[in-house]
C-alpha atoms as a PDB file:
ATOM      1  CA  MET A   1     100.683 282.965 112.492  1.00  0.00           C
ATOM      2  CA  ASN A   2     102.966 282.414 115.429  1.00  0.00           C
ATOM      3  CA  GLU A   3     106.493 281.296 114.539  1.00  0.00           C
ATOM      4  CA  SER A   4     106.425 278.485 117.083  1.00  0.00           C
ATOM      5  CA  THR A   5     103.270 277.062 115.443  1.00  0.00           C
ATOM      6  CA  LEU A   6     104.992 276.882 112.080  1.00  0.00           C
ATOM      7  CA  GLY A   7     108.072 275.351 113.707  1.00  0.00           C
ATOM      8  CA  ASN A   8     105.945 272.683 115.396  1.00  0.00           C
ATOM      9  CA  TRP A   9     104.254 271.827 112.097  1.00  0.00           C
ATOM     10  CA  LEU A  10     107.582 271.521 110.329  1.00  0.00           C
ATOM     11  CA  ALA A  11     109.031 269.320 113.084  1.00  0.00           C
ATOM     12  CA  ARG A  12     106.034 266.985 112.891  1.00  0.00           C
ATOM     13  CA  ALA A  13     106.172 266.831 109.101  1.00  0.00           C
ATOM     14  CA  ARG A  14     109.887 266.017 109.162  1.00  0.00           C
ATOM     15  CA  ALA A  15     109.322 263.351 111.830  1.00  0.00           C
ATOM     16  CA  ARG A  16     106.550 261.750 109.725  1.00  0.00           C
ATOM     17  CA  GLN A  17     108.816 261.685 106.692  1.00  0.00           C
ATOM     18  CA  GLN A  18     111.497 259.924 108.730  1.00  0.00           C
ATOM     19  CA  ASN A  19     108.957 257.638 110.476  1.00  0.00           C
ATOM     20  CA  VAL A  20     110.099 258.951 113.844  1.00  0.00           C
ATOM     21  CA  ALA A  21     107.701 259.967 116.588  1.00  0.00           C
ATOM     22  CA  PRO A  22     107.942 263.706 117.264  1.00  0.00           C
ATOM     23  CA  ALA A  23     109.618 264.653 120.515  1.00  0.00           C
ATOM     24  CA  GLN A  24     107.209 265.524 123.322  1.00  0.00           C
ATOM     25  CA  PRO A  25     107.934 268.417 125.662  1.00  0.00           C
ATOM     26  CA  GLU A  26     109.185 267.280 129.029  1.00  0.00           C
ATOM     27  CA  GLY A  27     106.383 266.354 131.411  1.00  0.00           C
ATOM     28  CA  HIS A  28     103.848 265.819 128.606  1.00  0.00           C
ATOM     29  CA  GLY A  29     104.107 262.068 128.143  1.00  0.00           C
ATOM     30  CA  PRO A  30     101.344 259.493 128.393  1.00  0.00           C
ATOM     31  CA  VAL A  31      99.390 259.412 131.653  1.00  0.00           C
ATOM     32  CA  SER A  32      97.996 256.477 133.595  1.00  0.00           C
ATOM     33  CA  TRP A  33      94.349 255.533 133.269  1.00  0.00           C
ATOM     34  CA  GLU A  34      93.746 256.465 136.919  1.00  0.00           C
ATOM     35  CA  GLU A  35      95.223 259.928 136.404  1.00  0.00           C
ATOM     36  CA  HIS A  36      93.107 260.366 133.265  1.00  0.00           C
ATOM     37  CA  ARG A  37      89.917 259.365 135.117  1.00  0.00           C
ATOM     38  CA  ALA A  38      90.781 261.663 138.049  1.00  0.00           C
ATOM     39  CA  THR A  39      91.293 264.544 135.626  1.00  0.00           C
ATOM     40  CA  LEU A  40      87.934 263.853 133.960  1.00  0.00           C
ATOM     41  CA  ALA A  41      86.213 263.796 137.368  1.00  0.00           C
ATOM     42  CA  GLU A  42      87.860 267.093 138.330  1.00  0.00           C
ATOM     43  CA  ASN A  43      86.795 268.576 135.002  1.00  0.00           C
ATOM     44  CA  GLU A  44      83.148 267.599 135.668  1.00  0.00           C
ATOM     45  CA  ARG A  45      83.337 269.086 139.175  1.00  0.00           C
ATOM     46  CA  LEU A  46      84.739 272.340 137.796  1.00  0.00           C
ATOM     47  CA  LYS A  47      82.038 272.514 135.107  1.00  0.00           C
ATOM     48  CA  ALA A  48      79.375 272.131 137.804  1.00  0.00           C
ATOM     49  CA  GLU A  49      81.067 274.841 139.870  1.00  0.00           C
ATOM     50  CA  VAL A  50      81.138 277.224 136.898  1.00  0.00           C
ATOM     51  CA  GLU A  51      77.452 276.534 136.246  1.00  0.00           C
ATOM     52  CA  LEU A  52      76.572 277.226 139.892  1.00  0.00           C
ATOM     53  CA  LEU A  53      78.608 280.437 139.944  1.00  0.00           C
ATOM     54  CA  GLY A  54      76.853 281.561 136.761  1.00  0.00           C
ATOM     55  CA  LYS A  55      73.471 280.981 138.365  1.00  0.00           C
ATOM     56  CA  LEU A  56      74.541 282.852 141.504  1.00  0.00           C
ATOM     57  CA  SER A  57      75.766 285.724 139.350  1.00  0.00           C
ATOM     58  CA  ASP A  58      72.415 285.838 137.543  1.00  0.00           C
ATOM     59  CA  PHE A  59      70.586 285.813 140.884  1.00  0.00           C
ATOM     60  CA  GLN A  60      72.733 288.634 142.218  1.00  0.00           C
ATOM     61  CA  ARG A  61      72.143 290.687 139.078  1.00  0.00           C
ATOM     62  CA  GLU A  62      68.385 290.229 139.408  1.00  0.00           C
ATOM     63  CA  ALA A  63      68.287 290.899 143.134  1.00  0.00           C
ATOM     64  CA  THR A  64      67.246 294.344 144.237  1.00  0.00           C
ATOM     65  CA  VAL A  65      67.286 296.130 147.539  1.00  0.00           C
ATOM     66  CA  THR A  66      63.564 295.521 147.943  1.00  0.00           C
ATOM     67  CA  ASP A  67      64.216 291.760 147.756  1.00  0.00           C
ATOM     68  CA  PHE A  68      66.113 292.044 151.026  1.00  0.00           C
ATOM     69  CA  GLN A  69      63.870 294.429 152.968  1.00  0.00           C
ATOM     70  CA  GLY A  70      62.701 292.630 156.062  1.00  0.00           C
ATOM     71  CA  PHE A  71      65.315 289.906 155.636  1.00  0.00           C
ATOM     72  CA  SER A  72      66.688 288.782 158.950  1.00  0.00           C
ATOM     73  CA  ALA A  73      69.498 286.531 160.057  1.00  0.00           C
ATOM     74  CA  SER A  74      66.872 283.974 161.057  1.00  0.00           C
ATOM     75  CA  GLY A  75      67.486 282.137 157.811  1.00  0.00           C
ATOM     76  CA  SER A  76      64.368 283.255 155.987  1.00  0.00           C
ATOM     77  CA  ASN A  77      64.552 283.341 152.215  1.00  0.00           C
ATOM     78  CA  PRO A  78      64.618 286.916 150.843  1.00  0.00           C
ATOM     79  CA  ARG A  79      62.391 285.801 147.933  1.00  0.00           C
ATOM     80  CA  ASP A  80      59.710 284.822 150.487  1.00  0.00           C
ATOM     81  CA  VAL A  81      59.560 288.344 151.957  1.00  0.00           C
ATOM     82  CA  LYS A  82      56.518 290.257 150.701  1.00  0.00           C
ATOM     83  CA  GLU A  83      57.353 293.520 148.972  1.00  0.00           C
ATOM     84  CA  ARG A  84      56.149 296.633 150.782  1.00  0.00           C
ATOM     85  CA  PRO A  85      53.691 298.931 148.992  1.00  0.00           C
ATOM     86  CA  ALA A  86      55.226 301.842 147.066  1.00  0.00           C
ATOM     87  CA  GLN A  87      54.065 304.335 149.747  1.00  0.00           C
ATOM     88  CA  ALA A  88      55.974 302.550 152.479  1.00  0.00           C
ATOM     89  CA  ARG A  89      59.125 302.524 150.330  1.00  0.00           C
ATOM     90  CA  GLY A  90      58.960 306.304 149.967  1.00  0.00           C
ATOM     91  CA  MET A  91      57.898 306.397 146.310  1.00  0.00           C
END
């Protein structure tokens, strides 16, 4: 157990015994409702971003070189490109 954890527990216990609110670290006081809501919205946005990045990572892992054969900068989807027969790929 970390020493600071034990120290925090003891400080809270002593404060409860004395009916005094424990001291909060500087900058960790109550926040406004607007700030709380903004933080929740940012949290949802970040969760969506993590989910998207996970899906992109899965796609990249599944993608192979043959997925991109014939892919051009014209904006065609590499998944729409028909795979060449094994002979044409040199197999």
